[in-house]
Amino acid sequence: MLADRGPVRVAPPTRYQTRGGPRTPHRWGSRTERREADPGHVRIPGPPSPRRAWGHPTRPIFPPSTREGPTISAERCLETYLQEINEVPLLTAEEERALGRRIHHGDLEAREHLIRANLRLVVSIAKIYGDRGLVLQDLIAEGNIGLMKAAEKFDPDAGCRFSTYGTWWIKQSIRRALTNTVKSVRVPGYMAEMISKWRTVSQELAYLLGRIPTVEEVAKELGIPRESWPLLKRTIETSASGSQISLDVISATQDTVEDENTVGPDEQIVQSDLLLKLDELLGVIDEREATILRLRYGLDGGQGDPMTLKEIGKIVGLTRERVRQIEQEALRKLYGVMGDD
């Protein structure tokens, strides 16, 4: 309610009209009050702050992803994100070990502290994969997931810096995201159109014939020469999600369901590559140490499950405590080799 200022004389309408009606010669109150008193005034909010777009201003763990279609400039958001993480001081080796011990006791604040102090490490690694098909913001987000896993699994008594240990987890998370989201085989436009026509005609013939049509019947209907069938078949088998699709099947790619109990070919390749690298690393340490690590972590070519210290002790003829000491010493050597690389 406005205070009673006495009778107000209203001037006749002039050619200077506003959204709220004719302008009057009486200018009372501030500019803000006059706008709010104008019935036709509509408040237009300004652009959202980059900090508000990410959530809490003190929690810049994930940069804005282009997958959700941000309303503000991605470059501006990324720049602000980098400025915020650069303000977090780096940790010394002793501070990392202290935080690691607190994390093992369930201290969530210590976990968050360790993660935030190493967000710059994720950015430096993500830039290496900048030309693989994902934008930098998404690569950083995926790398941060690996960083969080590393913080949970970090052993403060292993004798290595957290950055050395976390690098492997960050790279693994980014590589897995690239494998799952980036299409490795590009199908030419004319071939994609031909595949679409093939499926359409196959469905029409199946309806008319009452059965799944043969390759010859579909090819003749489309007028495709016989010598082009092998090329078309290979293209269909490697297109879209990479699922194996037969020319004799009329179902589309999205009709096929992945078997969750079966390891995919990409996972098999990653696992094989990791086992080869681990074998190379185990070659630089003592044979007994290498044997204990293989048994402890199930690295025997993927043939066995990880064993307990007691089970390993029975095999090598040592006590449980001695096996643990040898395991820790072997890990320190491996971390040293990885740090030199």
C-alpha atoms as a PDB file:
ATOM      1  CA  MET A   1       0.000   0.000   0.000  1.00  0.00           C
ATOM      2  CA  LEU A   2       1.245   3.465  -0.882  1.00  0.00           C
ATOM      3  CA  ALA A   3       1.013   6.200   1.731  1.00  0.00           C
ATOM      4  CA  ASP A   4      -1.785   8.702   1.288  1.00  0.00           C
ATOM      5  CA  ARG A   5      -0.190  11.706  -0.399  1.00  0.00           C
ATOM      6  CA  GLY A   6      -3.402  13.699  -0.762  1.00  0.00           C
ATOM      7  CA  PRO A   7      -5.418  14.279  -3.914  1.00  0.00           C
ATOM      8  CA  VAL A   8      -3.559  13.700  -7.140  1.00  0.00           C
ATOM      9  CA  ARG A   9      -4.438  15.599 -10.276  1.00  0.00           C
ATOM     10  CA  VAL A  10      -4.463  13.356 -13.336  1.00  0.00           C
ATOM     11  CA  ALA A  11      -3.410  15.089 -16.510  1.00  0.00           C
ATOM     12  CA  PRO A  12      -5.284  14.342 -19.709  1.00  0.00           C
ATOM     13  CA  PRO A  13      -3.762  11.685 -21.976  1.00  0.00           C
ATOM     14  CA  THR A  14      -0.920  12.897 -24.131  1.00  0.00           C
ATOM     15  CA  ARG A  15       0.883  11.397 -27.066  1.00  0.00           C
ATOM     16  CA  TYR A  16       3.506  10.022 -24.614  1.00  0.00           C
ATOM     17  CA  GLN A  17       1.862   6.749 -23.644  1.00  0.00           C
ATOM     18  CA  THR A  18       3.394   4.040 -21.404  1.00  0.00           C
ATOM     19  CA  ARG A  19       2.490   0.423 -20.761  1.00  0.00           C
ATOM     20  CA  GLY A  20       0.646   1.441 -17.621  1.00  0.00           C
ATOM     21  CA  GLY A  21      -1.438   4.172 -19.273  1.00  0.00           C
ATOM     22  CA  PRO A  22      -0.971   7.926 -19.770  1.00  0.00           C
ATOM     23  CA  ARG A  23       2.036   9.579 -18.199  1.00  0.00           C
ATOM     24  CA  THR A  24       1.247  12.013 -15.367  1.00  0.00           C
ATOM     25  CA  PRO A  25       3.251  15.073 -14.430  1.00  0.00           C
ATOM     26  CA  HIS A  26       3.607  13.875 -10.831  1.00  0.00           C
ATOM     27  CA  ARG A  27       6.915  11.985 -10.391  1.00  0.00           C
ATOM     28  CA  TRP A  28       6.697  10.512  -6.899  1.00  0.00           C
ATOM     29  CA  GLY A  29       8.984   7.837  -5.442  1.00  0.00           C
ATOM     30  CA  SER A  30      12.134   6.237  -6.842  1.00  0.00           C
ATOM     31  CA  ARG A  31      12.521   4.728 -10.295  1.00  0.00           C
ATOM     32  CA  THR A  32      12.075   1.214  -8.856  1.00  0.00           C
ATOM     33  CA  GLU A  33       8.863   2.226  -7.097  1.00  0.00           C
ATOM     34  CA  ARG A  34       7.484   3.767 -10.270  1.00  0.00           C
ATOM     35  CA  ARG A  35       8.217   0.583 -12.220  1.00  0.00           C
ATOM     36  CA  GLU A  36       6.555  -1.615  -9.611  1.00  0.00           C
ATOM     37  CA  ALA A  37       3.527   0.675  -9.513  1.00  0.00           C
ATOM     38  CA  ASP A  38       3.144   0.376 -13.292  1.00  0.00           C
ATOM     39  CA  PRO A  39       0.477  -2.337 -13.943  1.00  0.00           C
ATOM     40  CA  GLY A  40       2.045  -3.125 -17.294  1.00  0.00           C
ATOM     41  CA  HIS A  41       5.539  -3.630 -15.916  1.00  0.00           C
ATOM     42  CA  VAL A  42       6.963  -7.151 -16.274  1.00  0.00           C
ATOM     43  CA  ARG A  43      10.154  -8.129 -14.479  1.00  0.00           C
ATOM     44  CA  ILE A  44      12.615  -9.879 -16.799  1.00  0.00           C
ATOM     45  CA  PRO A  45      15.279 -11.849 -14.904  1.00  0.00           C
ATOM     46  CA  GLY A  46      18.869 -11.614 -16.029  1.00  0.00           C
ATOM     47  CA  PRO A  47      20.934 -14.541 -17.302  1.00  0.00           C
ATOM     48  CA  PRO A  48      21.660 -17.277 -14.750  1.00  0.00           C
ATOM     49  CA  SER A  49      24.997 -17.206 -12.991  1.00  0.00           C
ATOM     50  CA  PRO A  50      27.438 -19.972 -13.973  1.00  0.00           C
ATOM     51  CA  ARG A  51      27.789 -20.866 -10.308  1.00  0.00           C
ATOM     52  CA  ARG A  52      24.016 -21.202  -9.931  1.00  0.00           C
ATOM     53  CA  ALA A  53      23.849 -23.293 -13.082  1.00  0.00           C
ATOM     54  CA  TRP A  54      26.122 -25.898 -11.496  1.00  0.00           C
ATOM     55  CA  GLY A  55      24.470 -25.987  -8.099  1.00  0.00           C
ATOM     56  CA  HIS A  56      26.274 -25.066  -4.916  1.00  0.00           C
ATOM     57  CA  PRO A  57      29.022 -22.487  -5.606  1.00  0.00           C
ATOM     58  CA  THR A  58      31.534 -24.347  -3.431  1.00  0.00           C
ATOM     59  CA  ARG A  59      31.038 -27.725  -5.096  1.00  0.00           C
ATOM     60  CA  PRO A  60      32.490 -27.516  -8.624  1.00  0.00           C
ATOM     61  CA  ILE A  61      33.166 -31.240  -8.993  1.00  0.00           C
ATOM     62  CA  PHE A  62      31.461 -31.602 -12.367  1.00  0.00           C
ATOM     63  CA  PRO A  63      31.739 -28.996 -15.134  1.00  0.00           C
ATOM     64  CA  PRO A  64      28.586 -28.273 -17.180  1.00  0.00           C
ATOM     65  CA  SER A  65      27.979 -31.061 -19.683  1.00  0.00           C
ATOM     66  CA  THR A  66      26.954 -30.318 -23.234  1.00  0.00           C
ATOM     67  CA  ARG A  67      24.692 -33.389 -23.188  1.00  0.00           C
ATOM     68  CA  GLU A  68      21.998 -31.517 -21.256  1.00  0.00           C
ATOM     69  CA  GLY A  69      22.227 -28.432 -23.463  1.00  0.00           C
ATOM     70  CA  PRO A  70      23.288 -25.641 -21.044  1.00  0.00           C
ATOM     71  CA  THR A  71      21.574 -22.283 -21.325  1.00  0.00           C
ATOM     72  CA  ILE A  72      24.832 -20.366 -20.931  1.00  0.00           C
ATOM     73  CA  SER A  73      28.103 -20.486 -22.800  1.00  0.00           C
ATOM     74  CA  ALA A  74      29.948 -23.757 -22.227  1.00  0.00           C
ATOM     75  CA  GLU A  75      33.277 -21.967 -22.615  1.00  0.00           C
ATOM     76  CA  ARG A  76      32.311 -19.446 -19.952  1.00  0.00           C
ATOM     77  CA  CYS A  77      31.197 -22.167 -17.543  1.00  0.00           C
ATOM     78  CA  LEU A  78      34.374 -24.175 -18.107  1.00  0.00           C
ATOM     79  CA  GLU A  79      36.510 -21.089 -17.525  1.00  0.00           C
ATOM     80  CA  THR A  80      34.741 -20.415 -14.225  1.00  0.00           C
ATOM     81  CA  TYR A  81      35.098 -24.066 -13.214  1.00  0.00           C
ATOM     82  CA  LEU A  82      38.849 -23.997 -13.876  1.00  0.00           C
ATOM     83  CA  GLN A  83      39.210 -20.798 -11.874  1.00  0.00           C
ATOM     84  CA  GLU A  84      37.433 -22.361  -8.901  1.00  0.00           C
ATOM     85  CA  ILE A  85      39.465 -25.576  -8.825  1.00  0.00           C
ATOM     86  CA  ASN A  86      42.714 -23.620  -9.194  1.00  0.00           C
ATOM     87  CA  GLU A  87      41.920 -21.921  -5.898  1.00  0.00           C
ATOM     88  CA  VAL A  88      42.133 -25.256  -4.031  1.00  0.00           C
ATOM     89  CA  PRO A  89      45.673 -25.717  -2.622  1.00  0.00           C
ATOM     90  CA  LEU A  90      47.660 -28.835  -3.493  1.00  0.00           C
ATOM     91  CA  LEU A  91      48.394 -31.471  -0.856  1.00  0.00           C
ATOM     92  CA  THR A  92      51.715 -32.702   0.431  1.00  0.00           C
ATOM     93  CA  ALA A  93      52.514 -36.412   0.589  1.00  0.00           C
ATOM     94  CA  GLU A  94      51.938 -36.440   4.346  1.00  0.00           C
ATOM     95  CA  GLU A  95      48.574 -34.702   3.973  1.00  0.00           C
ATOM     96  CA  GLU A  96      47.507 -37.275   1.364  1.00  0.00           C
ATOM     97  CA  ARG A  97      48.403 -40.137   3.699  1.00  0.00           C
ATOM     98  CA  ALA A  98      46.541 -38.521   6.578  1.00  0.00           C
ATOM     99  CA  LEU A  99      43.435 -38.009   4.442  1.00  0.00           C
ATOM    100  CA  GLY A 100      43.687 -41.577   3.133  1.00  0.00           C
ATOM    101  CA  ARG A 101      43.658 -42.985   6.667  1.00  0.00           C
ATOM    102  CA  ARG A 102      40.656 -40.846   7.564  1.00  0.00           C
ATOM    103  CA  ILE A 103      38.839 -42.045   4.429  1.00  0.00           C
ATOM    104  CA  HIS A 104      39.391 -45.673   5.464  1.00  0.00           C
ATOM    105  CA  HIS A 105      37.592 -44.835   8.709  1.00  0.00           C
ATOM    106  CA  GLY A 106      34.594 -43.441   6.819  1.00  0.00           C
ATOM    107  CA  ASP A 107      35.410 -39.728   6.952  1.00  0.00           C
ATOM    108  CA  LEU A 108      33.436 -38.194   4.065  1.00  0.00           C
ATOM    109  CA  GLU A 109      34.942 -34.735   4.546  1.00  0.00           C
ATOM    110  CA  ALA A 110      38.435 -36.167   4.081  1.00  0.00           C
ATOM    111  CA  ARG A 111      37.279 -37.913   0.901  1.00  0.00           C
ATOM    112  CA  GLU A 112      35.870 -34.677  -0.486  1.00  0.00           C
ATOM    113  CA  HIS A 113      39.042 -32.778   0.460  1.00  0.00           C
ATOM    114  CA  LEU A 114      41.253 -35.301  -1.343  1.00  0.00           C
ATOM    115  CA  ILE A 115      39.051 -35.209  -4.446  1.00  0.00           C
ATOM    116  CA  ARG A 116      38.930 -31.415  -4.678  1.00  0.00           C
ATOM    117  CA  ALA A 117      42.670 -31.070  -4.292  1.00  0.00           C
ATOM    118  CA  ASN A 118      43.180 -33.284  -7.359  1.00  0.00           C
ATOM    119  CA  LEU A 119      40.549 -31.922  -9.761  1.00  0.00           C
ATOM    120  CA  ARG A 120      43.303 -30.200 -11.740  1.00  0.00           C
ATOM    121  CA  LEU A 121      44.878 -33.602 -12.387  1.00  0.00           C
ATOM    122  CA  VAL A 122      41.658 -34.697 -14.115  1.00  0.00           C
ATOM    123  CA  VAL A 123      41.689 -31.639 -16.382  1.00  0.00           C
ATOM    124  CA  SER A 124      45.283 -32.250 -17.479  1.00  0.00           C
ATOM    125  CA  ILE A 125      44.524 -35.896 -18.310  1.00  0.00           C
ATOM    126  CA  ALA A 126      41.212 -35.088 -20.038  1.00  0.00           C
ATOM    127  CA  LYS A 127      42.987 -32.724 -22.436  1.00  0.00           C
ATOM    128  CA  ILE A 128      44.997 -35.680 -23.769  1.00  0.00           C
ATOM    129  CA  TYR A 129      41.769 -37.278 -25.041  1.00  0.00           C
ATOM    130  CA  GLY A 130      40.300 -34.084 -26.488  1.00  0.00           C
ATOM    131  CA  ASP A 131      40.269 -35.323 -30.094  1.00  0.00           C
ATOM    132  CA  ARG A 132      38.549 -38.673 -29.500  1.00  0.00           C
ATOM    133  CA  GLY A 133      34.911 -37.605 -29.972  1.00  0.00           C
ATOM    134  CA  LEU A 134      33.847 -36.103 -26.618  1.00  0.00           C
ATOM    135  CA  VAL A 135      34.078 -32.438 -25.651  1.00  0.00           C
ATOM    136  CA  LEU A 136      36.379 -31.420 -22.813  1.00  0.00           C
ATOM    137  CA  GLN A 137      33.526 -30.817 -20.345  1.00  0.00           C
ATOM    138  CA  ASP A 138      32.274 -34.394 -20.715  1.00  0.00           C
ATOM    139  CA  LEU A 139      35.796 -35.825 -20.526  1.00  0.00           C
ATOM    140  CA  ILE A 140      36.391 -33.957 -17.262  1.00  0.00           C
ATOM    141  CA  ALA A 141      33.089 -35.210 -15.831  1.00  0.00           C
ATOM    142  CA  GLU A 142      33.988 -38.821 -16.675  1.00  0.00           C
ATOM    143  CA  GLY A 143      37.494 -38.384 -15.291  1.00  0.00           C
ATOM    144  CA  ASN A 144      36.071 -37.036 -12.033  1.00  0.00           C
ATOM    145  CA  ILE A 145      34.162 -40.299 -11.617  1.00  0.00           C
ATOM    146  CA  GLY A 146      37.448 -42.181 -11.825  1.00  0.00           C
ATOM    147  CA  LEU A 147      39.002 -39.732  -9.360  1.00  0.00           C
ATOM    148  CA  MET A 148      36.263 -40.485  -6.818  1.00  0.00           C
ATOM    149  CA  LYS A 149      36.871 -44.229  -7.183  1.00  0.00           C
ATOM    150  CA  ALA A 150      40.594 -43.678  -6.674  1.00  0.00           C
ATOM    151  CA  ALA A 151      39.934 -41.700  -3.482  1.00  0.00           C
ATOM    152  CA  GLU A 152      37.912 -44.601  -2.078  1.00  0.00           C
ATOM    153  CA  LYS A 153      40.519 -47.259  -2.937  1.00  0.00           C
ATOM    154  CA  PHE A 154      43.701 -45.302  -2.171  1.00  0.00           C
ATOM    155  CA  ASP A 155      46.073 -47.094   0.219  1.00  0.00           C
ATOM    156  CA  PRO A 156      48.003 -44.466   2.211  1.00  0.00           C
ATOM    157  CA  ASP A 157      50.613 -47.032   3.298  1.00  0.00           C
ATOM    158  CA  ALA A 158      51.495 -48.208  -0.219  1.00  0.00           C
ATOM    159  CA  GLY A 159      54.323 -45.686  -0.504  1.00  0.00           C
ATOM    160  CA  CYS A 160      53.172 -43.705  -3.556  1.00  0.00           C
ATOM    161  CA  ARG A 161      51.590 -40.333  -4.214  1.00  0.00           C
ATOM    162  CA  PHE A 162      47.857 -40.169  -4.811  1.00  0.00           C
ATOM    163  CA  SER A 163      48.350 -38.546  -8.222  1.00  0.00           C
ATOM    164  CA  THR A 164      50.320 -41.590  -9.412  1.00  0.00           C
ATOM    165  CA  TYR A 165      47.617 -43.952  -8.196  1.00  0.00           C
ATOM    166  CA  GLY A 166      44.675 -41.838  -9.327  1.00  0.00           C
ATOM    167  CA  THR A 167      45.983 -41.350 -12.868  1.00  0.00           C
ATOM    168  CA  TRP A 168      45.181 -44.961 -13.752  1.00  0.00           C
ATOM    169  CA  TRP A 169      41.592 -44.703 -12.490  1.00  0.00           C
ATOM    170  CA  ILE A 170      41.019 -41.396 -14.269  1.00  0.00           C
ATOM    171  CA  LYS A 171      42.309 -42.732 -17.590  1.00  0.00           C
ATOM    172  CA  GLN A 172      40.270 -45.921 -17.246  1.00  0.00           C
ATOM    173  CA  SER A 173      37.059 -43.973 -16.630  1.00  0.00           C
ATOM    174  CA  ILE A 174      37.652 -41.680 -19.618  1.00  0.00           C
ATOM    175  CA  ARG A 175      38.563 -44.556 -21.947  1.00  0.00           C
ATOM    176  CA  ARG A 176      35.480 -46.498 -20.925  1.00  0.00           C
ATOM    177  CA  ALA A 177      33.272 -43.473 -21.617  1.00  0.00           C
ATOM    178  CA  LEU A 178      34.846 -43.064 -25.051  1.00  0.00           C
ATOM    179  CA  THR A 179      34.279 -46.743 -25.799  1.00  0.00           C
ATOM    180  CA  ASN A 180      30.626 -46.617 -24.736  1.00  0.00           C
ATOM    181  CA  THR A 181      29.589 -43.298 -26.297  1.00  0.00           C
ATOM    182  CA  VAL A 182      31.724 -42.664 -29.376  1.00  0.00           C
ATOM    183  CA  LYS A 183      30.850 -44.501 -32.557  1.00  0.00           C
ATOM    184  CA  SER A 184      34.079 -46.016 -33.871  1.00  0.00           C
ATOM    185  CA  VAL A 185      32.750 -46.857 -37.348  1.00  0.00           C
ATOM    186  CA  ARG A 186      31.225 -44.161 -39.520  1.00  0.00           C
ATOM    187  CA  VAL A 187      28.730 -45.398 -42.125  1.00  0.00           C
ATOM    188  CA  PRO A 188      28.504 -43.238 -45.281  1.00  0.00           C
ATOM    189  CA  GLY A 189      25.209 -41.469 -45.854  1.00  0.00           C
ATOM    190  CA  TYR A 190      24.262 -43.420 -48.969  1.00  0.00           C
ATOM    191  CA  MET A 191      24.914 -46.715 -47.158  1.00  0.00           C
ATOM    192  CA  ALA A 192      22.811 -45.668 -44.170  1.00  0.00           C
ATOM    193  CA  GLU A 193      19.953 -44.895 -46.571  1.00  0.00           C
ATOM    194  CA  MET A 194      20.358 -48.279 -48.245  1.00  0.00           C
ATOM    195  CA  ILE A 195      20.244 -50.057 -44.869  1.00  0.00           C
ATOM    196  CA  SER A 196      17.019 -48.233 -44.006  1.00  0.00           C
ATOM    197  CA  LYS A 197      15.460 -49.248 -47.340  1.00  0.00           C
ATOM    198  CA  TRP A 198      16.584 -52.844 -46.825  1.00  0.00           C
ATOM    199  CA  ARG A 199      14.819 -53.097 -43.468  1.00  0.00           C
ATOM    200  CA  THR A 200      11.656 -51.459 -44.788  1.00  0.00           C
ATOM    201  CA  VAL A 201      11.421 -53.793 -47.792  1.00  0.00           C
ATOM    202  CA  SER A 202      12.261 -56.792 -45.603  1.00  0.00           C
ATOM    203  CA  GLN A 203       9.341 -55.999 -43.306  1.00  0.00           C
ATOM    204  CA  GLU A 204       6.959 -55.500 -46.239  1.00  0.00           C
ATOM    205  CA  LEU A 205       7.946 -58.816 -47.834  1.00  0.00           C
ATOM    206  CA  ALA A 206       7.638 -60.605 -44.494  1.00  0.00           C
ATOM    207  CA  TYR A 207       4.057 -59.321 -44.224  1.00  0.00           C
ATOM    208  CA  LEU A 208       3.209 -60.394 -47.785  1.00  0.00           C
ATOM    209  CA  LEU A 209       4.948 -63.786 -47.711  1.00  0.00           C
ATOM    210  CA  GLY A 210       4.107 -64.713 -44.133  1.00  0.00           C
ATOM    211  CA  ARG A 211       7.767 -65.518 -43.418  1.00  0.00           C
ATOM    212  CA  ILE A 212      11.155 -63.839 -43.210  1.00  0.00           C
ATOM    213  CA  PRO A 213      12.337 -63.139 -46.770  1.00  0.00           C
ATOM    214  CA  THR A 214      15.682 -64.415 -48.022  1.00  0.00           C
ATOM    215  CA  VAL A 215      18.595 -62.180 -48.934  1.00  0.00           C
ATOM    216  CA  GLU A 216      17.975 -62.825 -52.642  1.00  0.00           C
ATOM    217  CA  GLU A 217      14.317 -61.799 -52.422  1.00  0.00           C
ATOM    218  CA  VAL A 218      15.069 -58.493 -50.673  1.00  0.00           C
ATOM    219  CA  ALA A 219      18.006 -57.714 -52.962  1.00  0.00           C
ATOM    220  CA  LYS A 220      15.944 -58.342 -56.103  1.00  0.00           C
ATOM    221  CA  GLU A 221      13.154 -56.141 -54.783  1.00  0.00           C
ATOM    222  CA  LEU A 222      15.656 -53.310 -54.252  1.00  0.00           C
ATOM    223  CA  GLY A 223      17.521 -53.975 -57.480  1.00  0.00           C
ATOM    224  CA  ILE A 224      20.868 -54.530 -55.725  1.00  0.00           C
ATOM    225  CA  PRO A 225      23.419 -56.485 -57.795  1.00  0.00           C
ATOM    226  CA  ARG A 226      24.638 -59.714 -56.261  1.00  0.00           C
ATOM    227  CA  GLU A 227      28.274 -58.564 -56.078  1.00  0.00           C
ATOM    228  CA  SER A 228      27.225 -55.773 -53.680  1.00  0.00           C
ATOM    229  CA  TRP A 229      25.689 -58.085 -51.091  1.00  0.00           C
ATOM    230  CA  PRO A 230      28.924 -58.789 -49.117  1.00  0.00           C
ATOM    231  CA  LEU A 231      29.644 -55.062 -48.764  1.00  0.00           C
ATOM    232  CA  LEU A 232      26.102 -54.333 -47.602  1.00  0.00           C
ATOM    233  CA  LYS A 233      26.232 -57.193 -45.115  1.00  0.00           C
ATOM    234  CA  ARG A 234      29.504 -55.974 -43.569  1.00  0.00           C
ATOM    235  CA  THR A 235      28.116 -52.446 -43.340  1.00  0.00           C
ATOM    236  CA  ILE A 236      24.975 -53.570 -41.506  1.00  0.00           C
ATOM    237  CA  GLU A 237      26.996 -55.703 -39.088  1.00  0.00           C
ATOM    238  CA  THR A 238      29.286 -52.800 -38.106  1.00  0.00           C
ATOM    239  CA  SER A 239      26.809 -49.902 -38.166  1.00  0.00           C
ATOM    240  CA  ALA A 240      24.850 -48.248 -35.359  1.00  0.00           C
ATOM    241  CA  SER A 241      25.629 -49.803 -31.976  1.00  0.00           C
ATOM    242  CA  GLY A 242      27.940 -52.435 -33.370  1.00  0.00           C
ATOM    243  CA  SER A 243      25.412 -55.237 -32.844  1.00  0.00           C
ATOM    244  CA  GLN A 244      25.598 -58.172 -35.220  1.00  0.00           C
ATOM    245  CA  ILE A 245      22.524 -57.885 -37.462  1.00  0.00           C
ATOM    246  CA  SER A 246      21.805 -60.457 -40.123  1.00  0.00           C
ATOM    247  CA  LEU A 247      20.351 -59.593 -43.507  1.00  0.00           C
ATOM    248  CA  ASP A 248      17.870 -62.410 -42.970  1.00  0.00           C
ATOM    249  CA  VAL A 249      16.444 -60.733 -39.850  1.00  0.00           C
ATOM    250  CA  ILE A 250      13.938 -57.910 -40.179  1.00  0.00           C
ATOM    251  CA  SER A 251      14.396 -56.528 -36.659  1.00  0.00           C
ATOM    252  CA  ALA A 252      16.081 -53.161 -36.222  1.00  0.00           C
ATOM    253  CA  THR A 253      19.121 -52.449 -34.099  1.00  0.00           C
ATOM    254  CA  GLN A 254      17.076 -51.314 -31.114  1.00  0.00           C
ATOM    255  CA  ASP A 255      15.216 -54.659 -31.098  1.00  0.00           C
ATOM    256  CA  THR A 256      18.360 -56.522 -30.043  1.00  0.00           C
ATOM    257  CA  VAL A 257      19.078 -56.792 -26.322  1.00  0.00           C
ATOM    258  CA  GLU A 258      22.538 -56.997 -24.799  1.00  0.00           C
ATOM    259  CA  ASP A 259      23.283 -59.990 -22.590  1.00  0.00           C
ATOM    260  CA  GLU A 260      24.267 -58.466 -19.253  1.00  0.00           C
ATOM    261  CA  ASN A 261      25.947 -61.719 -18.162  1.00  0.00           C
ATOM    262  CA  THR A 262      28.371 -61.685 -21.088  1.00  0.00           C
ATOM    263  CA  VAL A 263      31.491 -59.540 -21.220  1.00  0.00           C
ATOM    264  CA  GLY A 264      31.398 -57.327 -24.312  1.00  0.00           C
ATOM    265  CA  PRO A 265      34.216 -57.324 -26.864  1.00  0.00           C
ATOM    266  CA  ASP A 266      35.321 -53.840 -25.814  1.00  0.00           C
ATOM    267  CA  GLU A 267      35.625 -54.950 -22.187  1.00  0.00           C
ATOM    268  CA  GLN A 268      37.567 -58.038 -23.276  1.00  0.00           C
ATOM    269  CA  ILE A 269      40.013 -55.854 -25.197  1.00  0.00           C
ATOM    270  CA  VAL A 270      40.485 -53.514 -22.228  1.00  0.00           C
ATOM    271  CA  GLN A 271      41.007 -56.430 -19.834  1.00  0.00           C
ATOM    272  CA  SER A 272      43.488 -58.127 -22.165  1.00  0.00           C
ATOM    273  CA  ASP A 273      45.410 -54.887 -22.578  1.00  0.00           C
ATOM    274  CA  LEU A 274      45.573 -54.369 -18.815  1.00  0.00           C
ATOM    275  CA  LEU A 275      46.764 -57.936 -18.222  1.00  0.00           C
ATOM    276  CA  LEU A 276      49.547 -57.490 -20.769  1.00  0.00           C
ATOM    277  CA  LYS A 277      50.685 -54.274 -19.109  1.00  0.00           C
ATOM    278  CA  LEU A 278      50.554 -55.900 -15.675  1.00  0.00           C
ATOM    279  CA  ASP A 279      52.661 -58.820 -16.915  1.00  0.00           C
ATOM    280  CA  GLU A 280      55.256 -56.334 -18.153  1.00  0.00           C
ATOM    281  CA  LEU A 281      55.299 -54.601 -14.772  1.00  0.00           C
ATOM    282  CA  LEU A 282      55.528 -57.875 -12.858  1.00  0.00           C
ATOM    283  CA  GLY A 283      58.587 -58.765 -14.911  1.00  0.00           C
ATOM    284  CA  VAL A 284      60.654 -56.067 -13.166  1.00  0.00           C
ATOM    285  CA  ILE A 285      60.186 -57.449  -9.628  1.00  0.00           C
ATOM    286  CA  ASP A 286      61.232 -60.639  -7.867  1.00  0.00           C
ATOM    287  CA  GLU A 287      59.595 -63.885  -9.038  1.00  0.00           C
ATOM    288  CA  ARG A 288      58.213 -64.661  -5.581  1.00  0.00           C
ATOM    289  CA  GLU A 289      56.750 -61.164  -5.310  1.00  0.00           C
ATOM    290  CA  ALA A 290      55.190 -61.477  -8.758  1.00  0.00           C
ATOM    291  CA  THR A 291      53.668 -64.850  -7.864  1.00  0.00           C
ATOM    292  CA  ILE A 292      52.123 -63.484  -4.681  1.00  0.00           C
ATOM    293  CA  LEU A 293      50.610 -60.518  -6.535  1.00  0.00           C
ATOM    294  CA  ARG A 294      49.180 -62.788  -9.246  1.00  0.00           C
ATOM    295  CA  LEU A 295      47.536 -65.013  -6.653  1.00  0.00           C
ATOM    296  CA  ARG A 296      46.410 -62.092  -4.492  1.00  0.00           C
ATOM    297  CA  TYR A 297      44.639 -60.241  -7.317  1.00  0.00           C
ATOM    298  CA  GLY A 298      43.695 -63.107  -9.631  1.00  0.00           C
ATOM    299  CA  LEU A 299      46.078 -62.029 -12.399  1.00  0.00           C
ATOM    300  CA  ASP A 300      46.963 -65.524 -13.564  1.00  0.00           C
ATOM    301  CA  GLY A 301      45.646 -64.879 -17.078  1.00  0.00           C
ATOM    302  CA  GLY A 302      42.148 -64.496 -15.674  1.00  0.00           C
ATOM    303  CA  GLN A 303      42.082 -68.212 -14.749  1.00  0.00           C
ATOM    304  CA  GLY A 304      41.585 -67.881 -10.995  1.00  0.00           C
ATOM    305  CA  ASP A 305      39.872 -65.778  -8.357  1.00  0.00           C
ATOM    306  CA  PRO A 306      41.791 -63.532  -5.942  1.00  0.00           C
ATOM    307  CA  MET A 307      43.098 -65.463  -2.920  1.00  0.00           C
ATOM    308  CA  THR A 308      43.341 -64.506   0.713  1.00  0.00           C
ATOM    309  CA  LEU A 309      46.675 -64.022   2.450  1.00  0.00           C
ATOM    310  CA  LYS A 310      46.149 -67.269   4.342  1.00  0.00           C
ATOM    311  CA  GLU A 311      45.505 -69.264   1.154  1.00  0.00           C
ATOM    312  CA  ILE A 312      48.590 -67.798  -0.506  1.00  0.00           C
ATOM    313  CA  GLY A 313      50.667 -68.577   2.593  1.00  0.00           C
ATOM    314  CA  LYS A 314      49.772 -72.256   2.322  1.00  0.00           C
ATOM    315  CA  ILE A 315      50.869 -72.317  -1.320  1.00  0.00           C
ATOM    316  CA  VAL A 316      54.220 -70.531  -0.900  1.00  0.00           C
ATOM    317  CA  GLY A 317      54.949 -71.894   2.582  1.00  0.00           C
ATOM    318  CA  LEU A 318      54.912 -68.577   4.444  1.00  0.00           C
ATOM    319  CA  THR A 319      52.894 -67.058   7.242  1.00  0.00           C
ATOM    320  CA  ARG A 320      49.980 -64.755   6.542  1.00  0.00           C
ATOM    321  CA  GLU A 321      51.863 -61.741   7.917  1.00  0.00           C
ATOM    322  CA  ARG A 322      54.953 -62.471   5.830  1.00  0.00           C
ATOM    323  CA  VAL A 323      52.816 -62.724   2.682  1.00  0.00           C
ATOM    324  CA  ARG A 324      51.287 -59.338   3.500  1.00  0.00           C
ATOM    325  CA  GLN A 325      54.737 -57.783   3.925  1.00  0.00           C
ATOM    326  CA  ILE A 326      55.937 -59.162   0.591  1.00  0.00           C
ATOM    327  CA  GLU A 327      52.766 -57.912  -1.097  1.00  0.00           C
ATOM    328  CA  GLN A 328      53.292 -54.381   0.251  1.00  0.00           C
ATOM    329  CA  GLU A 329      56.948 -54.375  -0.791  1.00  0.00           C
ATOM    330  CA  ALA A 330      56.054 -55.556  -4.304  1.00  0.00           C
ATOM    331  CA  LEU A 331      53.402 -52.851  -4.637  1.00  0.00           C
ATOM    332  CA  ARG A 332      55.898 -50.182  -3.575  1.00  0.00           C
ATOM    333  CA  LYS A 333      58.268 -51.337  -6.305  1.00  0.00           C
ATOM    334  CA  LEU A 334      55.511 -51.258  -8.929  1.00  0.00           C
ATOM    335  CA  TYR A 335      54.404 -47.782  -7.857  1.00  0.00           C
ATOM    336  CA  GLY A 336      58.001 -46.641  -8.151  1.00  0.00           C
ATOM    337  CA  VAL A 337      58.237 -47.988 -11.701  1.00  0.00           C
ATOM    338  CA  MET A 338      54.918 -46.357 -12.655  1.00  0.00           C
ATOM    339  CA  GLY A 339      56.052 -43.050 -11.158  1.00  0.00           C
ATOM    340  CA  ASP A 340      59.264 -43.117 -13.211  1.00  0.00           C
ATOM    341  CA  ASP A 341      57.234 -43.647 -16.396  1.00  0.00           C
END
